[in-house]
């Protein structure tokens, strides 16, 4: 495969076009330049945990679940920085849910981008404001719930209620759990409400003005009872949550085994959605070797189901382009900035 290209010409399309589901390794990708615009495309960058950037075809940037500062994880390359330092720009913020590992760096984002439109589960706004000591009147927040549809200048956003993964402390008395305590070490019902409403997960479908569709899916497959929202929707790009609960063959309820991951259940679900390309989401607890193995297994399940999804496991802090050709194939390239 030719490794470096300056435009996505027909020769490159033919070399990258997939007729069956497959895993695309980083080392095998062609390279596109940052300003390449011969085909409608989106660029994405994973910054660790669930923190992603999506750059739309018109150059506007959606920031998802900003969480970076002082985070100890091998995929966070410089924890002295904040999400506001890391992002290329920020024109929109989407919260899939509001737990700290999805929202901690929002105050830094808001300080640098005070007018940015912000979307989060509607019932989470009040406890979110309490914890971060802000007021709804002081920032551009839009609360959403299940089956909402928002029309922004740069894209349309549709929402679907998801299912948070099971928590380990679910059966404990909340008044004994330190994360619900305030600065004085006392149980704080408002902090408790922040964590409770933080379990309200929303999945998003983004449709750009150019017709590129992106599905951001998170949840717990054994108890995902709203699959009808996603079956056969054929998005151009799908983010799928890498939770331990989503691994296994589906015959038993998996509560946290990440050793030798089996992706039968996850691969079958992704095949039922049938995206053209798919990337993991919230994958920070897995090694790159495991993520590549999971992508390969999902591709194998896709082939059994007759789908043709390209599976990519992005490296952290690196941009990737997903471009749609006139035949609606999605071509994946590594972006050289």
Protein backbone atom coordinates (compact mmCIF):
# COMPACT_ATOMS: atom_id res chain seq x y z
CA UNK A 1 0.00 0.00 0.00
CA UNK A 2 1.28 3.47 -0.83
CA UNK A 3 1.92 5.09 2.55
CA UNK A 4 1.80 8.82 1.80
CA UNK A 5 -0.75 10.69 -0.28
CA UNK A 6 -1.61 14.33 -0.82
CA UNK A 7 -5.16 13.72 -1.95
CA UNK A 8 -7.67 10.92 -1.83
CA UNK A 9 -7.58 10.08 -5.53
CA UNK A 10 -9.25 7.15 -7.24
CA UNK A 11 -6.12 5.01 -6.96
CA UNK A 12 -6.05 5.51 -3.19
CA UNK A 13 -9.76 4.76 -2.91
CA UNK A 14 -9.29 1.48 -4.75
CA UNK A 15 -6.40 0.49 -2.49
CA UNK A 16 -8.34 1.24 0.70
CA UNK A 17 -11.83 0.19 -0.30
CA UNK A 18 -13.06 -2.79 1.70
CA UNK A 19 -15.34 -5.49 0.35
CA UNK A 20 -15.57 -7.23 3.70
CA UNK A 21 -15.25 -6.36 7.37
CA UNK A 22 -11.63 -5.93 8.38
CA UNK A 23 -9.28 -4.45 10.94
CA UNK A 24 -7.10 -1.59 9.68
CA UNK A 25 -3.85 -1.29 11.62
CA UNK A 26 -2.23 2.10 12.04
CA UNK A 27 0.96 0.94 10.30
CA UNK A 28 -0.99 -0.06 7.19
CA UNK A 29 -2.83 3.23 6.71
CA UNK A 30 -2.20 5.71 3.96
CA UNK A 31 -1.50 9.27 5.10
CA UNK A 32 -3.56 12.32 4.22
CA UNK A 33 -2.56 15.92 4.80
CA UNK A 34 -4.35 18.11 7.35
CA UNK A 35 -5.93 20.36 4.71
CA UNK A 36 -7.02 17.54 2.38
CA UNK A 37 -10.60 18.28 1.32
CA UNK A 38 -11.16 16.45 -1.96
CA UNK A 39 -13.92 14.34 -0.33
CA UNK A 40 -16.39 15.07 2.50
CA UNK A 41 -14.68 13.86 5.65
CA UNK A 42 -14.49 14.09 9.40
CA UNK A 43 -11.33 13.93 11.48
CA UNK A 44 -11.20 12.46 14.96
CA UNK A 45 -8.65 12.48 17.78
CA UNK A 46 -8.75 10.41 20.95
CA UNK A 47 -7.19 12.06 24.01
CA UNK A 48 -7.58 9.25 26.54
CA UNK A 49 -10.61 7.98 28.50
CA UNK A 50 -13.79 9.09 26.71
CA UNK A 51 -12.30 12.44 25.69
CA UNK A 52 -12.53 12.80 21.89
CA UNK A 53 -12.50 15.54 19.31
CA UNK A 54 -14.51 15.38 16.11
CA UNK A 55 -13.64 17.90 13.43
CA UNK A 56 -16.52 18.33 11.01
CA UNK A 57 -16.08 18.74 7.23
CA UNK A 58 -16.38 22.53 7.62
CA UNK A 59 -13.61 22.63 10.25
CA UNK A 60 -15.82 23.10 13.32
CA UNK A 61 -14.89 20.94 16.32
CA UNK A 62 -17.12 18.93 18.66
CA UNK A 63 -15.47 18.09 21.99
CA UNK A 64 -16.81 14.99 23.75
CA UNK A 65 -16.46 14.26 27.49
CA UNK A 66 -13.42 16.44 28.37
CA UNK A 67 -11.32 14.77 31.09
CA UNK A 68 -7.54 15.20 31.14
CA UNK A 69 -5.91 17.35 33.84
CA UNK A 70 -4.00 15.38 36.51
CA UNK A 71 -5.33 12.09 35.11
CA UNK A 72 -3.02 9.13 35.68
CA UNK A 73 -3.32 6.91 32.63
CA UNK A 74 -0.81 5.73 30.03
CA UNK A 75 -2.88 7.30 27.25
CA UNK A 76 -2.78 10.77 28.86
CA UNK A 77 0.54 12.09 27.60
CA UNK A 78 0.88 15.31 29.63
CA UNK A 79 -1.38 15.50 32.67
CA UNK A 80 -0.10 18.98 33.55
CA UNK A 81 -2.23 20.24 30.67
CA UNK A 82 -6.00 20.62 30.64
CA UNK A 83 -8.53 19.65 27.99
CA UNK A 84 -8.62 23.30 26.94
CA UNK A 85 -4.89 23.08 26.17
CA UNK A 86 -5.24 19.81 24.29
CA UNK A 87 -8.14 20.55 21.92
CA UNK A 88 -7.46 21.99 18.48
CA UNK A 89 -10.51 24.23 18.97
CA UNK A 90 -13.94 23.92 20.55
CA UNK A 91 -17.20 24.89 18.88
CA UNK A 92 -19.51 22.43 20.68
CA UNK A 93 -19.33 20.24 23.79
CA UNK A 94 -21.27 16.99 24.13
CA UNK A 95 -21.52 15.07 27.40
CA UNK A 96 -22.63 11.48 27.04
CA UNK A 97 -23.08 11.69 30.80
CA UNK A 98 -21.70 13.92 33.52
CA UNK A 99 -19.56 11.77 35.84
CA UNK A 100 -16.17 13.28 36.67
CA UNK A 101 -14.31 11.05 34.20
CA UNK A 102 -16.40 12.64 31.45
CA UNK A 103 -16.67 16.23 32.64
CA UNK A 104 -13.86 17.19 35.02
CA UNK A 105 -12.13 19.57 32.61
CA UNK A 106 -15.26 21.43 31.59
CA UNK A 107 -14.45 24.52 33.72
CA UNK A 108 -11.21 24.92 31.76
CA UNK A 109 -13.09 24.58 28.47
CA UNK A 110 -15.73 27.09 29.59
CA UNK A 111 -13.12 29.62 30.65
CA UNK A 112 -11.40 29.51 27.25
CA UNK A 113 -14.61 29.12 25.20
CA UNK A 114 -17.30 30.92 27.25
CA UNK A 115 -19.93 30.95 24.48
CA UNK A 116 -19.60 27.31 23.42
CA UNK A 117 -22.93 25.42 23.09
CA UNK A 118 -23.06 22.56 25.61
CA UNK A 119 -25.33 19.50 25.46
CA UNK A 120 -25.96 17.16 28.41
CA UNK A 121 -28.78 15.07 29.91
CA UNK A 122 -31.42 17.52 31.06
CA UNK A 123 -31.91 16.02 34.51
CA UNK A 124 -28.17 16.29 35.22
CA UNK A 125 -27.91 20.06 34.77
CA UNK A 126 -28.80 21.19 38.31
CA UNK A 127 -26.42 18.84 40.20
CA UNK A 128 -23.76 19.48 37.52
CA UNK A 129 -24.02 23.22 38.16
CA UNK A 130 -23.83 22.63 41.93
CA UNK A 131 -20.65 20.56 41.75
CA UNK A 132 -18.90 22.87 39.30
CA UNK A 133 -20.25 26.05 40.96
CA UNK A 134 -21.75 27.54 37.82
CA UNK A 135 -25.22 28.72 36.81
CA UNK A 136 -27.21 27.81 33.72
CA UNK A 137 -27.64 31.52 33.00
CA UNK A 138 -23.88 31.86 32.70
CA UNK A 139 -23.22 29.34 29.96
CA UNK A 140 -24.93 28.09 26.81
CA UNK A 141 -26.28 24.76 28.06
CA UNK A 142 -28.96 22.69 26.33
CA UNK A 143 -30.53 19.83 28.24
CA UNK A 144 -31.72 16.85 26.23
CA UNK A 145 -33.55 13.61 26.90
CA UNK A 146 -34.51 10.50 24.95
CA UNK A 147 -35.38 10.98 21.27
CA UNK A 148 -34.61 14.68 21.14
CA UNK A 149 -33.46 16.35 17.96
CA UNK A 150 -31.43 19.55 17.87
CA UNK A 151 -30.62 21.57 14.75
CA UNK A 152 -27.28 23.34 15.08
CA UNK A 153 -25.78 25.50 12.31
CA UNK A 154 -23.21 22.81 11.50
CA UNK A 155 -25.01 19.51 12.18
CA UNK A 156 -28.16 17.81 13.39
CA UNK A 157 -28.03 15.99 16.72
CA UNK A 158 -30.35 13.12 17.67
CA UNK A 159 -30.34 11.58 21.15
CA UNK A 160 -31.08 8.09 22.49
CA UNK A 161 -31.21 7.03 26.12
CA UNK A 162 -28.50 4.50 26.94
CA UNK A 163 -27.62 2.30 29.92
CA UNK A 164 -24.72 3.00 32.27
CA UNK A 165 -22.59 0.00 33.19
CA UNK A 166 -23.24 -1.58 36.59
CA UNK A 167 -21.40 0.06 39.49
CA UNK A 168 -19.52 -1.90 42.13
CA UNK A 169 -21.02 0.04 45.05
CA UNK A 170 -24.62 -0.31 43.90
CA UNK A 171 -25.77 -2.15 47.05
CA UNK A 172 -23.99 0.02 49.62
CA UNK A 173 -25.53 2.71 51.80
CA UNK A 174 -24.66 5.94 49.93
CA UNK A 175 -24.05 7.77 53.21
CA UNK A 176 -21.02 5.53 53.77
CA UNK A 177 -19.40 6.13 50.36
CA UNK A 178 -16.69 8.86 50.44
CA UNK A 179 -17.25 10.08 46.88
CA UNK A 180 -20.61 11.46 48.07
CA UNK A 181 -18.99 13.55 50.83
CA UNK A 182 -18.45 17.31 50.67
CA UNK A 183 -15.26 19.19 51.50
CA UNK A 184 -16.07 18.91 55.21
CA UNK A 185 -16.21 15.13 55.00
CA UNK A 186 -19.98 14.96 55.39
CA UNK A 187 -22.51 13.23 53.17
CA UNK A 188 -23.82 15.77 50.67
CA UNK A 189 -27.16 14.88 49.02
CA UNK A 190 -26.40 17.24 46.13
CA UNK A 191 -23.11 15.50 45.40
CA UNK A 192 -24.97 12.20 45.64
CA UNK A 193 -27.48 13.54 43.10
CA UNK A 194 -24.59 14.50 40.81
CA UNK A 195 -23.42 10.89 40.74
CA UNK A 196 -26.95 9.52 40.40
CA UNK A 197 -27.91 11.74 37.48
CA UNK A 198 -24.46 11.04 36.06
CA UNK A 199 -25.61 7.50 35.36
CA UNK A 200 -28.08 8.86 32.80
CA UNK A 201 -26.34 8.07 29.54
CA UNK A 202 -27.27 9.60 26.21
CA UNK A 203 -26.07 8.26 22.90
CA UNK A 204 -25.82 10.62 19.97
CA UNK A 205 -26.24 10.55 16.23
CA UNK A 206 -24.54 13.42 14.43
CA UNK A 207 -25.45 14.23 10.84
CA UNK A 208 -23.29 16.88 9.21
CA UNK A 209 -24.58 19.28 6.60
CA UNK A 210 -22.66 17.20 4.05
CA UNK A 211 -24.56 14.06 5.07
CA UNK A 212 -21.80 12.31 7.03
CA UNK A 213 -23.33 10.37 9.94
CA UNK A 214 -21.64 9.52 13.25
CA UNK A 215 -23.10 7.33 15.98
CA UNK A 216 -21.68 7.61 19.50
CA UNK A 217 -22.85 4.55 21.42
CA UNK A 218 -22.17 3.70 25.04
CA UNK A 219 -23.95 1.25 27.27
CA UNK A 220 -24.15 -2.23 28.66
CA UNK A 221 -25.05 -4.78 26.02
CA UNK A 222 -26.56 -7.48 28.24
CA UNK A 223 -29.18 -4.95 29.36
CA UNK A 224 -29.35 -2.73 26.25
CA UNK A 225 -33.08 -2.90 25.62
CA UNK A 226 -33.26 -0.10 23.05
CA UNK A 227 -31.33 -1.75 20.26
CA UNK A 228 -34.10 -0.70 17.89
CA UNK A 229 -32.58 2.80 17.95
CA UNK A 230 -29.45 1.51 16.24
CA UNK A 231 -30.25 -1.66 14.27
CA UNK A 232 -29.50 -1.25 10.58
CA UNK A 233 -28.90 2.50 10.84
CA UNK A 234 -25.64 2.16 8.82
CA UNK A 235 -23.76 5.22 10.14
CA UNK A 236 -20.60 6.24 8.34
CA UNK A 237 -18.68 6.09 11.62
CA UNK A 238 -19.57 4.44 14.94
CA UNK A 239 -17.96 4.93 18.34
CA UNK A 240 -18.56 1.83 20.50
CA UNK A 241 -17.95 1.69 24.24
CA UNK A 242 -15.17 -0.61 25.40
CA UNK A 243 -16.69 -1.71 28.72
CA UNK A 244 -15.82 -5.06 30.23
CA UNK A 245 -19.56 -5.73 30.47
CA UNK A 246 -19.73 -5.65 26.68
CA UNK A 247 -17.24 -8.47 26.26
CA UNK A 248 -17.97 -12.19 26.24
CA UNK A 249 -20.11 -14.45 24.10
CA UNK A 250 -23.42 -13.23 25.52
CA UNK A 251 -24.29 -16.44 27.33
CA UNK A 252 -23.40 -15.09 30.78
CA UNK A 253 -23.42 -11.64 32.38
CA UNK A 254 -19.84 -10.38 32.32
CA UNK A 255 -19.05 -8.05 35.23
CA UNK A 256 -15.48 -7.03 34.58
CA UNK A 257 -13.16 -9.60 32.97
CA UNK A 258 -10.74 -7.84 30.63
CA UNK A 259 -8.26 -10.69 30.44
CA UNK A 260 -8.11 -12.35 27.02
CA UNK A 261 -11.11 -10.33 25.83
CA UNK A 262 -13.76 -12.11 23.80
CA UNK A 263 -15.69 -9.78 21.49
CA UNK A 264 -18.44 -12.08 20.19
CA UNK A 265 -21.33 -10.14 21.73
CA UNK A 266 -19.83 -6.74 20.89
CA UNK A 267 -19.01 -7.77 17.32
CA UNK A 268 -22.53 -9.05 16.73
CA UNK A 269 -24.04 -5.81 18.03
CA UNK A 270 -21.81 -3.67 15.83
CA UNK A 271 -22.69 -5.88 12.84
CA UNK A 272 -26.39 -5.28 13.58
CA UNK A 273 -25.77 -1.52 13.39
CA UNK A 274 -23.63 -2.02 10.25
CA UNK A 275 -21.42 1.09 10.30
CA UNK A 276 -18.95 1.70 7.49
CA UNK A 277 -16.18 2.32 10.02
CA UNK A 278 -15.95 1.82 13.78
CA UNK A 279 -13.63 2.99 16.56
CA UNK A 280 -13.59 2.17 20.30
CA UNK A 281 -14.73 4.65 22.93
CA UNK A 282 -13.72 4.85 26.63
CA UNK A 283 -11.01 2.27 25.91
CA UNK A 284 -8.33 3.50 28.33
CA UNK A 285 -8.29 0.31 30.43
CA UNK A 286 -7.19 -1.84 27.48
CA UNK A 287 -3.78 -2.22 25.88
CA UNK A 288 -3.37 -1.42 22.20
CA UNK A 289 -2.73 -5.11 21.57
CA UNK A 290 -6.06 -5.99 23.20
CA UNK A 291 -7.86 -3.23 21.31
CA UNK A 292 -6.45 -4.52 18.01
CA UNK A 293 -7.47 -8.06 18.98
CA UNK A 294 -11.00 -6.88 19.75
CA UNK A 295 -11.17 -5.02 16.44
CA UNK A 296 -10.05 -8.15 14.60
CA UNK A 297 -12.64 -10.29 16.41
CA UNK A 298 -15.38 -7.77 15.64
CA UNK A 299 -14.39 -7.84 11.97
CA UNK A 300 -14.60 -11.63 12.00
CA UNK A 301 -18.11 -11.44 13.46
CA UNK A 302 -19.01 -8.85 10.85
CA UNK A 303 -17.90 -11.15 8.07
CA UNK A 304 -20.08 -13.92 9.48
CA UNK A 305 -23.00 -11.48 9.40
CA UNK A 306 -22.19 -10.20 5.91
CA UNK A 307 -21.17 -6.65 6.85
CA UNK A 308 -18.16 -4.64 5.65
CA UNK A 309 -17.10 -2.45 8.58
CA UNK A 310 -13.53 -1.16 8.83
CA UNK A 311 -12.33 -1.38 12.45
CA UNK A 312 -9.72 1.13 13.60
CA UNK A 313 -8.10 1.43 17.06
CA UNK A 314 -6.78 5.01 17.15
CA UNK A 315 -3.57 5.88 18.87
CA UNK A 316 -3.91 8.58 21.48
CA UNK A 317 -3.41 12.25 20.52
CA UNK A 318 -3.33 11.42 16.81
CA UNK A 319 -5.74 12.57 14.11
CA UNK A 320 -7.50 10.20 11.71
CA UNK A 321 -9.62 11.05 8.69
CA UNK A 322 -12.79 9.24 7.63
CA UNK A 323 -13.69 10.33 4.11
CA UNK A 324 -16.75 9.32 2.08
CA UNK A 325 -16.32 8.76 -1.64
CA UNK A 326 -19.03 9.15 -4.31
CA UNK A 327 -19.96 5.47 -3.88
CA UNK A 328 -20.48 6.04 -0.13
CA UNK A 329 -17.43 4.02 0.83
CA UNK A 330 -15.55 5.38 3.86
CA UNK A 331 -11.78 5.57 3.48
CA UNK A 332 -9.64 5.79 6.63
CA UNK A 333 -6.29 7.58 6.65
CA UNK A 334 -3.81 8.78 9.24
CA UNK A 335 -3.61 12.57 9.20
CA UNK A 336 -0.32 14.38 8.97
CA UNK A 337 -0.68 17.79 10.57
